[in-house]
Amino acid sequence: MNSVTSLSLGRIGVGVAALVKPDLVGSTLGAPTSHPLLTQWFGSREIALGAATLLTSGSARRTLVLLGAAVDGADAATAYAAVEAERLPRAVGYALTAVAAGAVVSGLLGLRVRTTRVVETV
């Protein structure tokens, strides 16, 4: 399974968890549990990005992966900024930053053009 498919399935899994158990996911992410709606919105976004990516191919899939990388990059920047503004504990904020940055890397690695090496035999 390539990294784009894995990332898409991961998005769907996290999204379903956020919709079904927003308090649990929200507290894990360091979000206030008094506002599960925000966690559920996050879940809906993740499901939509993951499913759309799995259901497409070619340039449409590439565009969705790039869109996902942009969203994940924004998530990483937001988590980092929250730590710097002391609105999120360092351990939680840096962990969220790392996860989001890892998703960016995973998506971009999945877009690499695979080349095959042709070996001549004499």
PDB file of N, CA and C in Angstrom:
ATOM      1  N   MET A   1       0.850  -1.166   0.000  1.00  0.00           N
ATOM      2  CA  MET A   1       0.000   0.000   0.000  1.00  0.00           C
ATOM      3  C   MET A   1       0.899   1.234   0.000  1.00  0.00           C
ATOM      4  N   ASN A   2       0.616   2.178  -0.895  1.00  0.00           N
ATOM      5  CA  ASN A   2       1.461   3.375  -0.954  1.00  0.00           C
ATOM      6  C   ASN A   2       1.072   4.372   0.133  1.00  0.00           C
ATOM      7  N   SER A   3       1.909   5.379   0.320  1.00  0.00           N
ATOM      8  CA  SER A   3       1.695   6.316   1.427  1.00  0.00           C
ATOM      9  C   SER A   3       0.446   7.176   1.241  1.00  0.00           C
ATOM     10  N   VAL A   4       0.031   7.443   0.013  1.00  0.00           N
ATOM     11  CA  VAL A   4      -1.180   8.228  -0.214  1.00  0.00           C
ATOM     12  C   VAL A   4      -2.403   7.435   0.240  1.00  0.00           C
ATOM     13  N   THR A   5      -2.451   6.170  -0.098  1.00  0.00           N
ATOM     14  CA  THR A   5      -3.569   5.321   0.332  1.00  0.00           C
ATOM     15  C   THR A   5      -3.576   5.186   1.851  1.00  0.00           C
ATOM     16  N   SER A   6      -2.413   4.952   2.442  1.00  0.00           N
ATOM     17  CA  SER A   6      -2.319   4.847   3.903  1.00  0.00           C
ATOM     18  C   SER A   6      -2.768   6.127   4.577  1.00  0.00           C
ATOM     19  N   LEU A   7      -2.304   7.258   4.067  1.00  0.00           N
ATOM     20  CA  LEU A   7      -2.681   8.542   4.635  1.00  0.00           C
ATOM     21  C   LEU A   7      -4.185   8.768   4.508  1.00  0.00           C
ATOM     22  N   SER A   8      -4.748   8.412   3.374  1.00  0.00           N
ATOM     23  CA  SER A   8      -6.193   8.582   3.154  1.00  0.00           C
ATOM     24  C   SER A   8      -6.999   7.723   4.117  1.00  0.00           C
ATOM     25  N   LEU A   9      -6.591   6.476   4.282  1.00  0.00           N
ATOM     26  CA  LEU A   9      -7.282   5.588   5.227  1.00  0.00           C
ATOM     27  C   LEU A   9      -7.128   6.090   6.662  1.00  0.00           C
ATOM     28  N   GLY A  10      -5.955   6.608   6.980  1.00  0.00           N
ATOM     29  CA  GLY A  10      -5.735   7.190   8.302  1.00  0.00           C
ATOM     30  C   GLY A  10      -6.635   8.387   8.544  1.00  0.00           C
ATOM     31  N   ARG A  11      -6.776   9.230   7.524  1.00  0.00           N
ATOM     32  CA  ARG A  11      -7.670  10.388   7.634  1.00  0.00           C
ATOM     33  C   ARG A  11      -9.099   9.930   7.935  1.00  0.00           C
ATOM     34  N   ILE A  12      -9.547   8.930   7.204  1.00  0.00           N
ATOM     35  CA  ILE A  12     -10.913   8.443   7.401  1.00  0.00           C
ATOM     36  C   ILE A  12     -11.080   7.878   8.810  1.00  0.00           C
ATOM     37  N   GLY A  13     -10.102   7.114   9.278  1.00  0.00           N
ATOM     38  CA  GLY A  13     -10.172   6.540  10.625  1.00  0.00           C
ATOM     39  C   GLY A  13     -10.228   7.605  11.711  1.00  0.00           C
ATOM     40  N   VAL A  14      -9.353   8.593  11.615  1.00  0.00           N
ATOM     41  CA  VAL A  14      -9.348   9.685  12.594  1.00  0.00           C
ATOM     42  C   VAL A  14     -10.654  10.475  12.492  1.00  0.00           C
ATOM     43  N   GLY A  15     -11.121  10.687  11.271  1.00  0.00           N
ATOM     44  CA  GLY A  15     -12.368  11.431  11.083  1.00  0.00           C
ATOM     45  C   GLY A  15     -13.565  10.737  11.693  1.00  0.00           C
ATOM     46  N   VAL A  16     -13.667   9.433  11.490  1.00  0.00           N
ATOM     47  CA  VAL A  16     -14.774   8.669  12.081  1.00  0.00           C
ATOM     48  C   VAL A  16     -14.694   8.736  13.603  1.00  0.00           C
ATOM     49  N   ALA A  17     -13.499   8.564  14.143  1.00  0.00           N
ATOM     50  CA  ALA A  17     -13.327   8.649  15.602  1.00  0.00           C
ATOM     51  C   ALA A  17     -13.748  10.028  16.109  1.00  0.00           C
ATOM     52  N   ALA A  18     -13.388  11.085  15.392  1.00  0.00           N
ATOM     53  CA  ALA A  18     -13.733  12.445  15.815  1.00  0.00           C
ATOM     54  C   ALA A  18     -15.237  12.687  15.773  1.00  0.00           C
ATOM     55  N   LEU A  19     -15.916  12.063  14.825  1.00  0.00           N
ATOM     56  CA  LEU A  19     -17.369  12.211  14.755  1.00  0.00           C
ATOM     57  C   LEU A  19     -18.076  11.409  15.846  1.00  0.00           C
ATOM     58  N   VAL A  20     -17.602  10.190  16.080  1.00  0.00           N
ATOM     59  CA  VAL A  20     -18.265   9.289  17.022  1.00  0.00           C
ATOM     60  C   VAL A  20     -17.910   9.604  18.477  1.00  0.00           C
ATOM     61  N   LYS A  21     -16.652   9.925  18.731  1.00  0.00           N
ATOM     62  CA  LYS A  21     -16.164  10.189  20.094  1.00  0.00           C
ATOM     63  C   LYS A  21     -15.438  11.537  20.146  1.00  0.00           C
ATOM     64  N   PRO A  22     -16.136  12.638  19.874  1.00  0.00           N
ATOM     65  CA  PRO A  22     -15.453  13.937  19.811  1.00  0.00           C
ATOM     66  C   PRO A  22     -14.781  14.331  21.127  1.00  0.00           C
ATOM     67  N   ASP A  23     -15.376  13.980  22.252  1.00  0.00           N
ATOM     68  CA  ASP A  23     -14.755  14.339  23.534  1.00  0.00           C
ATOM     69  C   ASP A  23     -13.424  13.629  23.713  1.00  0.00           C
ATOM     70  N   LEU A  24     -13.392  12.348  23.377  1.00  0.00           N
ATOM     71  CA  LEU A  24     -12.154  11.576  23.518  1.00  0.00           C
ATOM     72  C   LEU A  24     -11.078  12.096  22.573  1.00  0.00           C
ATOM     73  N   VAL A  25     -11.435  12.279  21.318  1.00  0.00           N
ATOM     74  CA  VAL A  25     -10.462  12.769  20.333  1.00  0.00           C
ATOM     75  C   VAL A  25     -10.038  14.189  20.671  1.00  0.00           C
ATOM     76  N   GLY A  26     -10.984  15.022  21.056  1.00  0.00           N
ATOM     77  CA  GLY A  26     -10.665  16.400  21.407  1.00  0.00           C
ATOM     78  C   GLY A  26      -9.715  16.485  22.581  1.00  0.00           C
ATOM     79  N   SER A  27      -9.960  15.684  23.612  1.00  0.00           N
ATOM     80  CA  SER A  27      -9.065  15.723  24.769  1.00  0.00           C
ATOM     81  C   SER A  27      -7.685  15.171  24.403  1.00  0.00           C
ATOM     82  N   THR A  28      -7.637  14.181  23.521  1.00  0.00           N
ATOM     83  CA  THR A  28      -6.360  13.645  23.055  1.00  0.00           C
ATOM     84  C   THR A  28      -5.575  14.693  22.284  1.00  0.00           C
ATOM     85  N   LEU A  29      -6.294  15.524  21.530  1.00  0.00           N
ATOM     86  CA  LEU A  29      -5.657  16.570  20.739  1.00  0.00           C
ATOM     87  C   LEU A  29      -5.395  17.839  21.548  1.00  0.00           C
ATOM     88  N   GLY A  30      -5.827  17.833  22.805  1.00  0.00           N
ATOM     89  CA  GLY A  30      -5.609  19.003  23.649  1.00  0.00           C
ATOM     90  C   GLY A  30      -6.657  20.081  23.470  1.00  0.00           C
ATOM     91  N   ALA A  31      -7.775  19.743  22.810  1.00  0.00           N
ATOM     92  CA  ALA A  31      -8.845  20.718  22.597  1.00  0.00           C
ATOM     93  C   ALA A  31      -9.789  20.717  23.796  1.00  0.00           C
ATOM     94  N   PRO A  32     -10.456  21.854  24.031  1.00  0.00           N
ATOM     95  CA  PRO A  32     -11.421  21.883  25.134  1.00  0.00           C
ATOM     96  C   PRO A  32     -12.571  20.921  24.842  1.00  0.00           C
ATOM     97  N   THR A  33     -12.903  20.076  25.797  1.00  0.00           N
ATOM     98  CA  THR A  33     -13.961  19.087  25.573  1.00  0.00           C
ATOM     99  C   THR A  33     -15.349  19.707  25.658  1.00  0.00           C
ATOM    100  N   SER A  34     -15.422  20.977  26.014  1.00  0.00           N
ATOM    101  CA  SER A  34     -16.717  21.641  26.078  1.00  0.00           C
ATOM    102  C   SER A  34     -17.242  22.013  24.688  1.00  0.00           C
ATOM    103  N   HIS A  35     -16.413  21.858  23.673  1.00  0.00           N
ATOM    104  CA  HIS A  35     -16.814  22.202  22.301  1.00  0.00           C
ATOM    105  C   HIS A  35     -16.559  21.039  21.342  1.00  0.00           C
ATOM    106  N   PRO A  36     -17.319  19.929  21.499  1.00  0.00           N
ATOM    107  CA  PRO A  36     -17.095  18.781  20.610  1.00  0.00           C
ATOM    108  C   PRO A  36     -17.416  19.080  19.151  1.00  0.00           C
ATOM    109  N   LEU A  37     -18.212  20.106  18.904  1.00  0.00           N
ATOM    110  CA  LEU A  37     -18.571  20.447  17.531  1.00  0.00           C
ATOM    111  C   LEU A  37     -17.335  20.726  16.682  1.00  0.00           C
ATOM    112  N   LEU A  38     -16.358  21.423  17.230  1.00  0.00           N
ATOM    113  CA  LEU A  38     -15.138  21.725  16.471  1.00  0.00           C
ATOM    114  C   LEU A  38     -14.383  20.453  16.116  1.00  0.00           C
ATOM    115  N   THR A  39     -14.355  19.506  17.041  1.00  0.00           N
ATOM    116  CA  THR A  39     -13.701  18.224  16.764  1.00  0.00           C
ATOM    117  C   THR A  39     -14.467  17.468  15.681  1.00  0.00           C
ATOM    118  N   GLN A  40     -15.776  17.535  15.718  1.00  0.00           N
ATOM    119  CA  GLN A  40     -16.577  16.864  14.693  1.00  0.00           C
ATOM    120  C   GLN A  40     -16.391  17.520  13.329  1.00  0.00           C
ATOM    121  N   TRP A  41     -16.244  18.824  13.300  1.00  0.00           N
ATOM    122  CA  TRP A  41     -15.958  19.494  12.023  1.00  0.00           C
ATOM    123  C   TRP A  41     -14.626  19.009  11.465  1.00  0.00           C
ATOM    124  N   PHE A  42     -13.647  18.916  12.337  1.00  0.00           N
ATOM    125  CA  PHE A  42     -12.344  18.378  11.938  1.00  0.00           C
ATOM    126  C   PHE A  42     -12.525  16.974  11.371  1.00  0.00           C
ATOM    127  N   GLY A  43     -13.341  16.155  12.034  1.00  0.00           N
ATOM    128  CA  GLY A  43     -13.582  14.784  11.573  1.00  0.00           C
ATOM    129  C   GLY A  43     -14.212  14.743  10.200  1.00  0.00           C
ATOM    130  N   SER A  44     -15.188  15.594   9.982  1.00  0.00           N
ATOM    131  CA  SER A  44     -15.848  15.643   8.670  1.00  0.00           C
ATOM    132  C   SER A  44     -14.865  16.008   7.572  1.00  0.00           C
ATOM    133  N   ARG A  45     -13.999  16.954   7.861  1.00  0.00           N
ATOM    134  CA  ARG A  45     -12.970  17.372   6.898  1.00  0.00           C
ATOM    135  C   ARG A  45     -12.033  16.224   6.561  1.00  0.00           C
ATOM    136  N   GLU A  46     -11.597  15.501   7.592  1.00  0.00           N
ATOM    137  CA  GLU A  46     -10.674  14.392   7.374  1.00  0.00           C
ATOM    138  C   GLU A  46     -11.320  13.279   6.558  1.00  0.00           C
ATOM    139  N   ILE A  47     -12.569  12.951   6.850  1.00  0.00           N
ATOM    140  CA  ILE A  47     -13.277  11.919   6.082  1.00  0.00           C
ATOM    141  C   ILE A  47     -13.414  12.351   4.626  1.00  0.00           C
ATOM    142  N   ALA A  48     -13.809  13.593   4.402  1.00  0.00           N
ATOM    143  CA  ALA A  48     -13.989  14.086   3.035  1.00  0.00           C
ATOM    144  C   ALA A  48     -12.684  14.048   2.246  1.00  0.00           C
ATOM    145  N   LEU A  49     -11.596  14.527   2.849  1.00  0.00           N
ATOM    146  CA  LEU A  49     -10.302  14.510   2.151  1.00  0.00           C
ATOM    147  C   LEU A  49      -9.837  13.082   1.877  1.00  0.00           C
ATOM    148  N   GLY A  50      -9.969  12.216   2.871  1.00  0.00           N
ATOM    149  CA  GLY A  50      -9.525  10.835   2.700  1.00  0.00           C
ATOM    150  C   GLY A  50     -10.328  10.093   1.650  1.00  0.00           C
ATOM    151  N   ALA A  51     -11.655  10.205   1.730  1.00  0.00           N
ATOM    152  CA  ALA A  51     -12.511   9.489   0.782  1.00  0.00           C
ATOM    153  C   ALA A  51     -12.343  10.018  -0.639  1.00  0.00           C
ATOM    154  N   ALA A  52     -12.310  11.337  -0.787  1.00  0.00           N
ATOM    155  CA  ALA A  52     -12.150  11.917  -2.120  1.00  0.00           C
ATOM    156  C   ALA A  52     -10.829  11.487  -2.751  1.00  0.00           C
ATOM    157  N   THR A  53      -9.780  11.444  -1.951  1.00  0.00           N
ATOM    158  CA  THR A  53      -8.478  11.033  -2.475  1.00  0.00           C
ATOM    159  C   THR A  53      -8.500   9.574  -2.916  1.00  0.00           C
ATOM    160  N   LEU A  54      -9.138   8.718  -2.121  1.00  0.00           N
ATOM    161  CA  LEU A  54      -9.216   7.303  -2.485  1.00  0.00           C
ATOM    162  C   LEU A  54     -10.047   7.066  -3.742  1.00  0.00           C
ATOM    163  N   LEU A  55     -11.043   7.903  -3.959  1.00  0.00           N
ATOM    164  CA  LEU A  55     -11.961   7.699  -5.078  1.00  0.00           C
ATOM    165  C   LEU A  55     -11.501   8.316  -6.396  1.00  0.00           C
ATOM    166  N   THR A  56     -10.375   9.011  -6.376  1.00  0.00           N
ATOM    167  CA  THR A  56      -9.893   9.663  -7.594  1.00  0.00           C
ATOM    168  C   THR A  56      -8.577   9.050  -8.045  1.00  0.00           C
ATOM    169  N   SER A  57      -8.168   9.472  -9.206  1.00  0.00           N
ATOM    170  CA  SER A  57      -6.870   9.033  -9.725  1.00  0.00           C
ATOM    171  C   SER A  57      -6.312  10.148 -10.603  1.00  0.00           C
ATOM    172  N   GLY A  58      -5.096   9.945 -11.051  1.00  0.00           N
ATOM    173  CA  GLY A  58      -4.469  10.891 -11.968  1.00  0.00           C
ATOM    174  C   GLY A  58      -4.288  12.271 -11.375  1.00  0.00           C
ATOM    175  N   SER A  59      -4.531  13.287 -12.198  1.00  0.00           N
ATOM    176  CA  SER A  59      -4.287  14.660 -11.758  1.00  0.00           C
ATOM    177  C   SER A  59      -5.244  15.095 -10.659  1.00  0.00           C
ATOM    178  N   ALA A  60      -6.460  14.560 -10.654  1.00  0.00           N
ATOM    179  CA  ALA A  60      -7.408  14.904  -9.581  1.00  0.00           C
ATOM    180  C   ALA A  60      -6.890  14.400  -8.240  1.00  0.00           C
ATOM    181  N   ARG A  61      -6.339  13.194  -8.233  1.00  0.00           N
ATOM    182  CA  ARG A  61      -5.783  12.646  -6.985  1.00  0.00           C
ATOM    183  C   ARG A  61      -4.583  13.482  -6.532  1.00  0.00           C
ATOM    184  N   ARG A  62      -3.744  13.840  -7.471  1.00  0.00           N
ATOM    185  CA  ARG A  62      -2.568  14.659  -7.148  1.00  0.00           C
ATOM    186  C   ARG A  62      -3.008  15.992  -6.530  1.00  0.00           C
ATOM    187  N   THR A  63      -4.027  16.606  -7.111  1.00  0.00           N
ATOM    188  CA  THR A  63      -4.533  17.872  -6.585  1.00  0.00           C
ATOM    189  C   THR A  63      -5.064  17.699  -5.165  1.00  0.00           C
ATOM    190  N   LEU A  64      -5.790  16.617  -4.909  1.00  0.00           N
ATOM    191  CA  LEU A  64      -6.323  16.375  -3.568  1.00  0.00           C
ATOM    192  C   LEU A  64      -5.210  16.106  -2.555  1.00  0.00           C
ATOM    193  N   VAL A  65      -4.172  15.404  -2.975  1.00  0.00           N
ATOM    194  CA  VAL A  65      -3.045  15.162  -2.075  1.00  0.00           C
ATOM    195  C   VAL A  65      -2.359  16.487  -1.738  1.00  0.00           C
ATOM    196  N   LEU A  66      -2.188  17.345  -2.728  1.00  0.00           N
ATOM    197  CA  LEU A  66      -1.583  18.657  -2.482  1.00  0.00           C
ATOM    198  C   LEU A  66      -2.472  19.520  -1.584  1.00  0.00           C
ATOM    199  N   LEU A  67      -3.768  19.445  -1.792  1.00  0.00           N
ATOM    200  CA  LEU A  67      -4.708  20.165  -0.932  1.00  0.00           C
ATOM    201  C   LEU A  67      -4.599  19.652   0.507  1.00  0.00           C
ATOM    202  N   GLY A  68      -4.558  18.332   0.663  1.00  0.00           N
ATOM    203  CA  GLY A  68      -4.394  17.744   1.992  1.00  0.00           C
ATOM    204  C   GLY A  68      -3.092  18.172   2.641  1.00  0.00           C
ATOM    205  N   ALA A  69      -2.015  18.235   1.861  1.00  0.00           N
ATOM    206  CA  ALA A  69      -0.722  18.667   2.393  1.00  0.00           C
ATOM    207  C   ALA A  69      -0.792  20.121   2.842  1.00  0.00           C
ATOM    208  N   ALA A  70      -1.513  20.949   2.097  1.00  0.00           N
ATOM    209  CA  ALA A  70      -1.664  22.352   2.489  1.00  0.00           C
ATOM    210  C   ALA A  70      -2.450  22.464   3.795  1.00  0.00           C
ATOM    211  N   VAL A  71      -3.509  21.698   3.915  1.00  0.00           N
ATOM    212  CA  VAL A  71      -4.312  21.698   5.140  1.00  0.00           C
ATOM    213  C   VAL A  71      -3.480  21.196   6.319  1.00  0.00           C
ATOM    214  N   ASP A  72      -2.745  20.110   6.099  1.00  0.00           N
ATOM    215  CA  ASP A  72      -1.897  19.566   7.169  1.00  0.00           C
ATOM    216  C   ASP A  72      -0.791  20.552   7.549  1.00  0.00           C
ATOM    217  N   GLY A  73      -0.247  21.243   6.558  1.00  0.00           N
ATOM    218  CA  GLY A  73       0.759  22.264   6.841  1.00  0.00           C
ATOM    219  C   GLY A  73       0.185  23.396   7.687  1.00  0.00           C
ATOM    220  N   ALA A  74      -1.043  23.798   7.367  1.00  0.00           N
ATOM    221  CA  ALA A  74      -1.709  24.827   8.170  1.00  0.00           C
ATOM    222  C   ALA A  74      -1.962  24.317   9.585  1.00  0.00           C
ATOM    223  N   ASP A  75      -2.340  23.047   9.719  1.00  0.00           N
ATOM    224  CA  ASP A  75      -2.538  22.451  11.044  1.00  0.00           C
ATOM    225  C   ASP A  75      -1.240  22.465  11.846  1.00  0.00           C
ATOM    226  N   ALA A  76      -0.139  22.120  11.198  1.00  0.00           N
ATOM    227  CA  ALA A  76       1.160  22.112  11.880  1.00  0.00           C
ATOM    228  C   ALA A  76       1.522  23.521  12.344  1.00  0.00           C
ATOM    229  N   ALA A  77       1.338  24.491  11.471  1.00  0.00           N
ATOM    230  CA  ALA A  77       1.665  25.877  11.818  1.00  0.00           C
ATOM    231  C   ALA A  77       0.774  26.381  12.950  1.00  0.00           C
ATOM    232  N   THR A  78      -0.494  26.027  12.918  1.00  0.00           N
ATOM    233  CA  THR A  78      -1.429  26.452  13.957  1.00  0.00           C
ATOM    234  C   THR A  78      -1.079  25.834  15.304  1.00  0.00           C
ATOM    235  N   ALA A  79      -0.748  24.550  15.310  1.00  0.00           N
ATOM    236  CA  ALA A  79      -0.367  23.883  16.564  1.00  0.00           C
ATOM    237  C   ALA A  79       0.904  24.513  17.130  1.00  0.00           C
ATOM    238  N   TYR A  80       1.865  24.763  16.271  1.00  0.00           N
ATOM    239  CA  TYR A  80       3.122  25.384  16.717  1.00  0.00           C
ATOM    240  C   TYR A  80       2.852  26.780  17.287  1.00  0.00           C
ATOM    241  N   ALA A  81       2.024  27.551  16.599  1.00  0.00           N
ATOM    242  CA  ALA A  81       1.695  28.903  17.059  1.00  0.00           C
ATOM    243  C   ALA A  81       0.969  28.862  18.406  1.00  0.00           C
ATOM    244  N   ALA A  82       0.126  27.848  18.598  1.00  0.00           N
ATOM    245  CA  ALA A  82      -0.587  27.719  19.873  1.00  0.00           C
ATOM    246  C   ALA A  82       0.377  27.452  21.024  1.00  0.00           C
ATOM    247  N   VAL A  83       1.418  26.681  20.758  1.00  0.00           N
ATOM    248  CA  VAL A  83       2.445  26.438  21.786  1.00  0.00           C
ATOM    249  C   VAL A  83       3.179  27.737  22.092  1.00  0.00           C
ATOM    250  N   GLU A  84       3.578  28.435  21.057  1.00  0.00           N
ATOM    251  CA  GLU A  84       4.330  29.680  21.240  1.00  0.00           C
ATOM    252  C   GLU A  84       3.504  30.738  21.978  1.00  0.00           C
ATOM    253  N   ALA A  85       2.191  30.737  21.771  1.00  0.00           N
ATOM    254  CA  ALA A  85       1.306  31.689  22.443  1.00  0.00           C
ATOM    255  C   ALA A  85       0.860  31.171  23.818  1.00  0.00           C
ATOM    256  N   GLU A  86       1.388  30.005  24.203  1.00  0.00           N
ATOM    257  CA  GLU A  86       1.081  29.362  25.487  1.00  0.00           C
ATOM    258  C   GLU A  86      -0.414  29.054  25.650  1.00  0.00           C
ATOM    259  N   ARG A  87      -1.068  28.699  24.538  1.00  0.00           N
ATOM    260  CA  ARG A  87      -2.466  28.276  24.575  1.00  0.00           C
ATOM    261  C   ARG A  87      -2.595  26.770  24.541  1.00  0.00           C
ATOM    262  N   LEU A  88      -1.473  26.082  24.373  1.00  0.00           N
ATOM    263  CA  LEU A  88      -1.447  24.628  24.294  1.00  0.00           C
ATOM    264  C   LEU A  88      -0.181  24.149  24.984  1.00  0.00           C
ATOM    265  N   PRO A  89      -0.279  23.108  25.803  1.00  0.00           N
ATOM    266  CA  PRO A  89       0.935  22.594  26.453  1.00  0.00           C
ATOM    267  C   PRO A  89       1.966  22.178  25.407  1.00  0.00           C
ATOM    268  N   ARG A  90       3.240  22.402  25.722  1.00  0.00           N
ATOM    269  CA  ARG A  90       4.315  22.103  24.774  1.00  0.00           C
ATOM    270  C   ARG A  90       4.264  20.661  24.266  1.00  0.00           C
ATOM    271  N   ALA A  91       4.144  19.709  25.171  1.00  0.00           N
ATOM    272  CA  ALA A  91       4.170  18.297  24.753  1.00  0.00           C
ATOM    273  C   ALA A  91       3.046  17.999  23.769  1.00  0.00           C
ATOM    274  N   VAL A  92       1.855  18.485  24.057  1.00  0.00           N
ATOM    275  CA  VAL A  92       0.704  18.249  23.169  1.00  0.00           C
ATOM    276  C   VAL A  92       0.892  18.997  21.852  1.00  0.00           C
ATOM    277  N   GLY A  93       1.245  20.261  21.942  1.00  0.00           N
ATOM    278  CA  GLY A  93       1.393  21.081  20.738  1.00  0.00           C
ATOM    279  C   GLY A  93       2.475  20.592  19.804  1.00  0.00           C
ATOM    280  N   TYR A  94       3.607  20.219  20.378  1.00  0.00           N
ATOM    281  CA  TYR A  94       4.692  19.720  19.529  1.00  0.00           C
ATOM    282  C   TYR A  94       4.352  18.353  18.941  1.00  0.00           C
ATOM    283  N   ALA A  95       3.624  17.536  19.697  1.00  0.00           N
ATOM    284  CA  ALA A  95       3.192  16.238  19.152  1.00  0.00           C
ATOM    285  C   ALA A  95       2.230  16.453  17.980  1.00  0.00           C
ATOM    286  N   LEU A  96       1.286  17.376  18.145  1.00  0.00           N
ATOM    287  CA  LEU A  96       0.351  17.667  17.050  1.00  0.00           C
ATOM    288  C   LEU A  96       1.073  18.255  15.847  1.00  0.00           C
ATOM    289  N   THR A  97       2.055  19.116  16.102  1.00  0.00           N
ATOM    290  CA  THR A  97       2.848  19.689  15.012  1.00  0.00           C
ATOM    291  C   THR A  97       3.573  18.586  14.255  1.00  0.00           C
ATOM    292  N   ALA A  98       4.158  17.651  15.004  1.00  0.00           N
ATOM    293  CA  ALA A  98       4.892  16.549  14.374  1.00  0.00           C
ATOM    294  C   ALA A  98       3.974  15.651  13.553  1.00  0.00           C
ATOM    295  N   VAL A  99       2.792  15.351  14.091  1.00  0.00           N
ATOM    296  CA  VAL A  99       1.845  14.500  13.354  1.00  0.00           C
ATOM    297  C   VAL A  99       1.412  15.180  12.059  1.00  0.00           C
ATOM    298  N   ALA A 100       1.058  16.455  12.147  1.00  0.00           N
ATOM    299  CA  ALA A 100       0.622  17.185  10.950  1.00  0.00           C
ATOM    300  C   ALA A 100       1.755  17.311   9.931  1.00  0.00           C
ATOM    301  N   ALA A 101       2.962  17.603  10.410  1.00  0.00           N
ATOM    302  CA  ALA A 101       4.108  17.692   9.500  1.00  0.00           C
ATOM    303  C   ALA A 101       4.404  16.332   8.869  1.00  0.00           C
ATOM    304  N   GLY A 102       4.245  15.281   9.641  1.00  0.00           N
ATOM    305  CA  GLY A 102       4.424  13.927   9.101  1.00  0.00           C
ATOM    306  C   GLY A 102       3.416  13.613   8.009  1.00  0.00           C
ATOM    307  N   ALA A 103       2.190  14.102   8.174  1.00  0.00           N
ATOM    308  CA  ALA A 103       1.173  13.898   7.137  1.00  0.00           C
ATOM    309  C   ALA A 103       1.548  14.646   5.861  1.00  0.00           C
ATOM    310  N   VAL A 104       2.124  15.830   6.004  1.00  0.00           N
ATOM    311  CA  VAL A 104       2.593  16.588   4.826  1.00  0.00           C
ATOM    312  C   VAL A 104       3.653  15.769   4.097  1.00  0.00           C
ATOM    313  N   VAL A 105       4.635  15.289   4.840  1.00  0.00           N
ATOM    314  CA  VAL A 105       5.723  14.516   4.242  1.00  0.00           C
ATOM    315  C   VAL A 105       5.184  13.248   3.584  1.00  0.00           C
ATOM    316  N   SER A 106       4.288  12.559   4.270  1.00  0.00           N
ATOM    317  CA  SER A 106       3.715  11.321   3.726  1.00  0.00           C
ATOM    318  C   SER A 106       2.996  11.579   2.402  1.00  0.00           C
ATOM    319  N   GLY A 107       2.202  12.626   2.367  1.00  0.00           N
ATOM    320  CA  GLY A 107       1.491  12.952   1.130  1.00  0.00           C
ATOM    321  C   GLY A 107       2.434  13.301   0.001  1.00  0.00           C
ATOM    322  N   LEU A 108       3.432  14.118   0.301  1.00  0.00           N
ATOM    323  CA  LEU A 108       4.379  14.527  -0.747  1.00  0.00           C
ATOM    324  C   LEU A 108       5.222  13.349  -1.232  1.00  0.00           C
ATOM    325  N   LEU A 109       5.598  12.468  -0.312  1.00  0.00           N
ATOM    326  CA  LEU A 109       6.345  11.275  -0.736  1.00  0.00           C
ATOM    327  C   LEU A 109       5.492  10.392  -1.646  1.00  0.00           C
ATOM    328  N   GLY A 110       4.207  10.354  -1.375  1.00  0.00           N
ATOM    329  CA  GLY A 110       3.306   9.565  -2.208  1.00  0.00           C
ATOM    330  C   GLY A 110       3.154  10.103  -3.616  1.00  0.00           C
ATOM    331  N   LEU A 111       3.501  11.364  -3.802  1.00  0.00           N
ATOM    332  CA  LEU A 111       3.390  11.968  -5.133  1.00  0.00           C
ATOM    333  C   LEU A 111       4.632  11.773  -5.991  1.00  0.00           C
ATOM    334  N   ARG A 112       5.676  11.240  -5.378  1.00  0.00           N
ATOM    335  CA  ARG A 112       6.904  11.037  -6.152  1.00  0.00           C
ATOM    336  C   ARG A 112       6.603  10.211  -7.397  1.00  0.00           C
ATOM    337  N   VAL A 113       7.227  10.593  -8.461  1.00  0.00           N
ATOM    338  CA  VAL A 113       7.095   9.818  -9.694  1.00  0.00           C
ATOM    339  C   VAL A 113       8.001   8.610  -9.567  1.00  0.00           C
ATOM    340  N   ARG A 114       7.411   7.459  -9.720  1.00  0.00           N
ATOM    341  CA  ARG A 114       8.218   6.241  -9.636  1.00  0.00           C
ATOM    342  C   ARG A 114       8.875   5.985 -10.976  1.00  0.00           C
ATOM    343  N   THR A 115      10.148   5.824 -10.917  1.00  0.00           N
ATOM    344  CA  THR A 115      10.874   5.532 -12.149  1.00  0.00           C
ATOM    345  C   THR A 115      11.396   4.116 -12.060  1.00  0.00           C
ATOM    346  N   THR A 116      11.406   3.471 -13.174  1.00  0.00           N
ATOM    347  CA  THR A 116      11.957   2.124 -13.202  1.00  0.00           C
ATOM    348  C   THR A 116      13.252   2.174 -13.978  1.00  0.00           C
ATOM    349  N   ARG A 117      14.172   1.456 -13.503  1.00  0.00           N
ATOM    350  CA  ARG A 117      15.490   1.414 -14.145  1.00  0.00           C
ATOM    351  C   ARG A 117      15.495   0.242 -15.129  1.00  0.00           C
ATOM    352  N   VAL A 118      15.833   0.563 -16.349  1.00  0.00           N
ATOM    353  CA  VAL A 118      15.937  -0.473 -17.373  1.00  0.00           C
ATOM    354  C   VAL A 118      17.378  -0.947 -17.427  1.00  0.00           C
ATOM    355  N   VAL A 119      17.558  -2.221 -17.298  1.00  0.00           N
ATOM    356  CA  VAL A 119      18.910  -2.781 -17.323  1.00  0.00           C
ATOM    357  C   VAL A 119      19.091  -3.490 -18.662  1.00  0.00           C
ATOM    358  N   GLU A 120      20.139  -3.085 -19.345  1.00  0.00           N
ATOM    359  CA  GLU A 120      20.424  -3.744 -20.630  1.00  0.00           C
ATOM    360  C   GLU A 120      21.212  -5.021 -20.391  1.00  0.00           C
ATOM    361  N   THR A 121      20.835  -6.019 -21.121  1.00  0.00           N
ATOM    362  CA  THR A 121      21.619  -7.262 -21.063  1.00  0.00           C
ATOM    363  C   THR A 121      22.281  -7.450 -22.404  1.00  0.00           C
ATOM    364  N   VAL A 122      23.456  -7.914 -22.352  1.00  0.00           N
ATOM    365  CA  VAL A 122      24.210  -8.113 -23.587  1.00  0.00           C
ATOM    366  C   VAL A 122      24.420  -9.576 -23.838  1.00  0.00           C
TER     367      VAL A 122
END
